[in-house]
C-alpha atoms as a PDB file:
ATOM      1  CA  MET A   1      51.792 -13.579  22.515  1.00  0.00           C
ATOM      2  CA  SER A   2      49.167 -14.944  24.861  1.00  0.00           C
ATOM      3  CA  MET A   3      45.509 -14.590  23.876  1.00  0.00           C
ATOM      4  CA  LEU A   4      44.616 -13.728  27.464  1.00  0.00           C
ATOM      5  CA  ARG A   5      44.742 -10.011  28.067  1.00  0.00           C
ATOM      6  CA  ARG A   6      45.928  -8.500  31.283  1.00  0.00           C
ATOM      7  CA  GLU A   7      43.548  -6.039  32.898  1.00  0.00           C
ATOM      8  CA  TRP A   8      45.652  -3.021  31.950  1.00  0.00           C
ATOM      9  CA  GLU A   9      45.674  -4.164  28.305  1.00  0.00           C
ATOM     10  CA  ALA A  10      41.897  -4.348  28.177  1.00  0.00           C
ATOM     11  CA  ASP A  11      41.554  -1.016  29.981  1.00  0.00           C
ATOM     12  CA  ALA A  12      44.096   0.736  27.747  1.00  0.00           C
ATOM     13  CA  ASN A  13      42.407  -0.664  24.644  1.00  0.00           C
ATOM     14  CA  ASP A  14      39.070   0.609  25.952  1.00  0.00           C
ATOM     15  CA  VAL A  15      40.562   4.098  26.353  1.00  0.00           C
ATOM     16  CA  LEU A  16      42.065   3.917  22.864  1.00  0.00           C
ATOM     17  CA  VAL A  17      38.690   3.053  21.308  1.00  0.00           C
ATOM     18  CA  LYS A  18      36.853   5.731  23.320  1.00  0.00           C
ATOM     19  CA  ALA A  19      39.473   8.343  22.420  1.00  0.00           C
ATOM     20  CA  ALA A  20      39.218   7.537  18.695  1.00  0.00           C
ATOM     21  CA  GLU A  21      35.428   7.599  18.876  1.00  0.00           C
ATOM     22  CA  ALA A  22      35.472  10.910  20.783  1.00  0.00           C
ATOM     23  CA  ALA A  23      37.807  12.395  18.163  1.00  0.00           C
ATOM     24  CA  ASP A  24      35.402  11.375  15.410  1.00  0.00           C
ATOM     25  CA  LEU A  25      32.416  12.759  17.335  1.00  0.00           C
ATOM     26  CA  PHE A  26      34.110  16.110  17.972  1.00  0.00           C
ATOM     27  CA  GLU A  27      35.184  16.346  14.307  1.00  0.00           C
ATOM     28  CA  ASP A  28      31.571  15.689  13.297  1.00  0.00           C
ATOM     29  CA  ALA A  29      30.326  18.329  15.736  1.00  0.00           C
ATOM     30  CA  ALA A  30      32.857  20.859  14.403  1.00  0.00           C
ATOM     31  CA  ARG A  31      31.511  20.348  10.879  1.00  0.00           C
ATOM     32  CA  ARG A  32      27.920  20.740  12.062  1.00  0.00           C
ATOM     33  CA  LEU A  33      28.523  23.683  14.398  1.00  0.00           C
ATOM     34  CA  PRO A  34      30.809  26.187  12.662  1.00  0.00           C
ATOM     35  CA  ARG A  35      30.437  28.693  15.504  1.00  0.00           C
ATOM     36  CA  GLU A  36      32.074  26.233  17.911  1.00  0.00           C
ATOM     37  CA  ALA A  37      34.428  24.663  15.364  1.00  0.00           C
ATOM     38  CA  ALA A  38      37.642  26.099  16.832  1.00  0.00           C
ATOM     39  CA  ILE A  39      37.261  24.504  20.264  1.00  0.00           C
ATOM     40  CA  LEU A  40      35.760  21.305  18.848  1.00  0.00           C
ATOM     41  CA  ASP A  41      38.640  20.865  16.396  1.00  0.00           C
ATOM     42  CA  VAL A  42      41.153  21.260  19.238  1.00  0.00           C
ATOM     43  CA  MET A  43      39.244  18.699  21.311  1.00  0.00           C
ATOM     44  CA  ALA A  44      39.159  16.282  18.368  1.00  0.00           C
ATOM     45  CA  ALA A  45      42.884  16.679  17.725  1.00  0.00           C
ATOM     46  CA  ARG A  46      43.805  16.035  21.357  1.00  0.00           C
ATOM     47  CA  ARG A  47      41.688  12.896  21.507  1.00  0.00           C
ATOM     48  CA  ARG A  48      43.125  11.676  18.208  1.00  0.00           C
ATOM     49  CA  ARG A  49      46.643  12.304  19.574  1.00  0.00           C
ATOM     50  CA  LEU A  50      45.749  10.281  22.692  1.00  0.00           C
ATOM     51  CA  ALA A  51      44.506   7.369  20.560  1.00  0.00           C
ATOM     52  CA  GLN A  52      47.655   7.450  18.423  1.00  0.00           C
ATOM     53  CA  GLY A  53      49.912   7.659  21.476  1.00  0.00           C
ATOM     54  CA  LEU A  54      48.170   4.711  23.104  1.00  0.00           C
ATOM     55  CA  ASP A  55      48.396   2.737  19.878  1.00  0.00           C
ATOM     56  CA  ARG A  56      52.175   3.284  19.747  1.00  0.00           C
ATOM     57  CA  ALA A  57      52.653   2.549  23.469  1.00  0.00           C
ATOM     58  CA  LEU A  58      50.570  -0.644  23.301  1.00  0.00           C
ATOM     59  CA  ARG A  59      52.504  -1.863  20.278  1.00  0.00           C
ATOM     60  CA  ALA A  60      55.776  -1.119  22.099  1.00  0.00           C
ATOM     61  CA  GLU A  61      54.514  -3.406  24.881  1.00  0.00           C
ATOM     62  CA  GLY A  62      53.806  -6.148  22.323  1.00  0.00           C
ATOM     63  CA  VAL A  63      50.055  -5.655  22.490  1.00  0.00           C
ATOM     64  CA  LEU A  64      48.011  -5.466  19.306  1.00  0.00           C
ATOM     65  CA  PRO A  65      45.568  -2.589  19.827  1.00  0.00           C
ATOM     66  CA  LYS A  66      41.881  -3.174  19.306  1.00  0.00           C
ATOM     67  CA  GLY A  67      40.391  -1.159  16.481  1.00  0.00           C
ATOM     68  CA  VAL A  68      37.285   0.966  16.491  1.00  0.00           C
ATOM     69  CA  ASP A  69      34.139  -0.884  15.398  1.00  0.00           C
ATOM     70  CA  PRO A  70      32.851   1.194  12.457  1.00  0.00           C
ATOM     71  CA  GLU A  71      29.293  -0.142  12.778  1.00  0.00           C
ATOM     72  CA  HIS A  72      29.151   0.704  16.481  1.00  0.00           C
ATOM     73  CA  GLU A  73      30.641   4.125  15.809  1.00  0.00           C
ATOM     74  CA  GLU A  74      28.117   4.879  13.051  1.00  0.00           C
ATOM     75  CA  ALA A  75      25.247   3.739  15.286  1.00  0.00           C
ATOM     76  CA  ASP A  76      26.474   6.053  18.068  1.00  0.00           C
ATOM     77  CA  ARG A  77      26.734   8.959  15.630  1.00  0.00           C
ATOM     78  CA  LEU A  78      23.218   8.294  14.292  1.00  0.00           C
ATOM     79  CA  LEU A  79      21.765   8.051  17.805  1.00  0.00           C
ATOM     80  CA  ALA A  80      23.457  11.322  18.776  1.00  0.00           C
ATOM     81  CA  SER A  81      22.045  13.004  15.677  1.00  0.00           C
ATOM     82  CA  VAL A  82      18.539  11.818  16.440  1.00  0.00           C
ATOM     83  CA  ARG A  83      18.813  12.950  20.058  1.00  0.00           C
ATOM     84  CA  SER A  84      20.120  16.366  19.107  1.00  0.00           C
ATOM     85  CA  ALA A  85      17.452  16.786  16.412  1.00  0.00           C
ATOM     86  CA  LEU A  86      14.789  16.101  19.004  1.00  0.00           C
ATOM     87  CA  SER A  87      16.361  18.550  21.414  1.00  0.00           C
ATOM     88  CA  ARG A  88      14.848  22.028  21.782  1.00  0.00           C
ATOM     89  CA  ASP A  89      18.230  23.456  20.998  1.00  0.00           C
ATOM     90  CA  GLU A  90      20.068  21.274  18.493  1.00  0.00           C
ATOM     91  CA  GLU A  91      23.462  22.816  19.236  1.00  0.00           C
ATOM     92  CA  THR A  92      23.155  22.298  22.993  1.00  0.00           C
ATOM     93  CA  GLY A  93      21.879  18.753  22.493  1.00  0.00           C
ATOM     94  CA  LEU A  94      24.727  17.848  20.185  1.00  0.00           C
ATOM     95  CA  LEU A  95      27.359  19.336  22.490  1.00  0.00           C
ATOM     96  CA  ASN A  96      25.847  17.628  25.533  1.00  0.00           C
ATOM     97  CA  ASP A  97      26.064  14.284  23.714  1.00  0.00           C
ATOM     98  CA  ARG A  98      29.719  14.928  22.899  1.00  0.00           C
ATOM     99  CA  LEU A  99      30.423  15.926  26.494  1.00  0.00           C
ATOM    100  CA  ALA A 100      28.767  12.752  27.780  1.00  0.00           C
ATOM    101  CA  ALA A 101      31.044  10.645  25.558  1.00  0.00           C
ATOM    102  CA  ASP A 102      34.013  12.669  26.797  1.00  0.00           C
ATOM    103  CA  ARG A 103      33.073  12.023  30.434  1.00  0.00           C
ATOM    104  CA  LYS A 104      33.102   8.287  29.684  1.00  0.00           C
ATOM    105  CA  LEU A 105      36.557   8.691  28.164  1.00  0.00           C
ATOM    106  CA  ALA A 106      37.786  10.541  31.279  1.00  0.00           C
ATOM    107  CA  ALA A 107      36.357   7.809  33.532  1.00  0.00           C
ATOM    108  CA  SER A 108      38.126   5.127  31.464  1.00  0.00           C
ATOM    109  CA  ILE A 109      41.399   7.043  31.699  1.00  0.00           C
ATOM    110  CA  ALA A 110      41.053   7.340  35.490  1.00  0.00           C
ATOM    111  CA  GLU A 111      40.260   3.626  35.799  1.00  0.00           C
ATOM    112  CA  THR A 112      43.238   2.664  33.661  1.00  0.00           C
ATOM    113  CA  LEU A 113      45.591   4.961  35.578  1.00  0.00           C
ATOM    114  CA  GLY A 114      44.493   3.149  38.746  1.00  0.00           C
ATOM    115  CA  ASP A 115      45.957  -0.146  37.513  1.00  0.00           C
ATOM    116  CA  ALA A 116      49.150  -0.838  39.461  1.00  0.00           C
ATOM    117  CA  ASP A 117      50.571  -2.968  36.622  1.00  0.00           C
ATOM    118  CA  LEU A 118      50.177  -0.270  33.960  1.00  0.00           C
ATOM    119  CA  PRO A 119      53.499   0.105  32.101  1.00  0.00           C
ATOM    120  CA  PRO A 120      55.201   3.492  32.577  1.00  0.00           C
ATOM    121  CA  ALA A 121      54.989   4.467  28.888  1.00  0.00           C
ATOM    122  CA  LEU A 122      51.213   3.972  28.864  1.00  0.00           C
ATOM    123  CA  LYS A 123      50.863   5.800  32.160  1.00  0.00           C
ATOM    124  CA  ALA A 124      52.779   8.774  30.743  1.00  0.00           C
ATOM    125  CA  VAL A 125      50.535   8.958  27.656  1.00  0.00           C
ATOM    126  CA  LEU A 126      47.384   8.825  29.787  1.00  0.00           C
ATOM    127  CA  GLU A 127      48.588  11.342  32.360  1.00  0.00           C
ATOM    128  CA  ALA A 128      49.622  13.806  29.662  1.00  0.00           C
ATOM    129  CA  ALA A 129      46.186  13.602  28.046  1.00  0.00           C
ATOM    130  CA  ALA A 130      44.040  13.556  31.196  1.00  0.00           C
ATOM    131  CA  GLY A 131      44.599  17.176  32.187  1.00  0.00           C
ATOM    132  CA  GLU A 132      44.048  18.470  28.650  1.00  0.00           C
ATOM    133  CA  ILE A 133      40.848  16.503  28.273  1.00  0.00           C
ATOM    134  CA  ASP A 134      39.471  17.744  31.590  1.00  0.00           C
ATOM    135  CA  ALA A 135      40.373  21.354  30.718  1.00  0.00           C
ATOM    136  CA  ASP A 136      38.801  21.063  27.250  1.00  0.00           C
ATOM    137  CA  ARG A 137      35.606  19.668  28.698  1.00  0.00           C
ATOM    138  CA  ALA A 138      35.430  22.392  31.359  1.00  0.00           C
ATOM    139  CA  ALA A 139      35.904  25.082  28.687  1.00  0.00           C
ATOM    140  CA  LEU A 140      33.134  23.667  26.532  1.00  0.00           C
ATOM    141  CA  GLU A 141      30.833  23.277  29.528  1.00  0.00           C
ATOM    142  CA  ALA A 142      31.496  26.926  30.427  1.00  0.00           C
ATOM    143  CA  ARG A 143      30.578  27.948  26.870  1.00  0.00           C
ATOM    144  CA  LEU A 144      27.312  26.104  27.312  1.00  0.00           C
ATOM    145  CA  GLY A 145      26.694  28.102  30.470  1.00  0.00           C
ATOM    146  CA  GLY A 146      26.690  25.086  32.751  1.00  0.00           C
ATOM    147  CA  ALA A 147      23.886  23.412  30.785  1.00  0.00           C
ATOM    148  CA  ALA A 148      26.010  20.332  30.192  1.00  0.00           C
END
């Protein structure tokens, strides 16, 4: 396999990493916010399923998926905790941080779907997840009363 990555490979790997990170962040939020745990657990599971589906589809294309950087992930989690602790409303701050990460994931999905060379199996995984992710985010934003 060539060491040079095609654009779609890099983009799909970026989505995979962001999806895995988002899943971890939503799982963390569910543990910290029991009142919102039901929706946060669903959001985490869908993002985890996206990451797993992309991992399988990339491997089927002969691409070794890039893993999540645990140090980067822990730094992001710590930064989010500090931000939410400094927020007037810790719950709103924490959820807004999670929503911001989710918006980045959605933007990465849209960018990757725009690649004309994207293999059909990867496109199918991304398209199936995109609508769910947008609907989840809209539901959580509505729960926040538009404060997101």
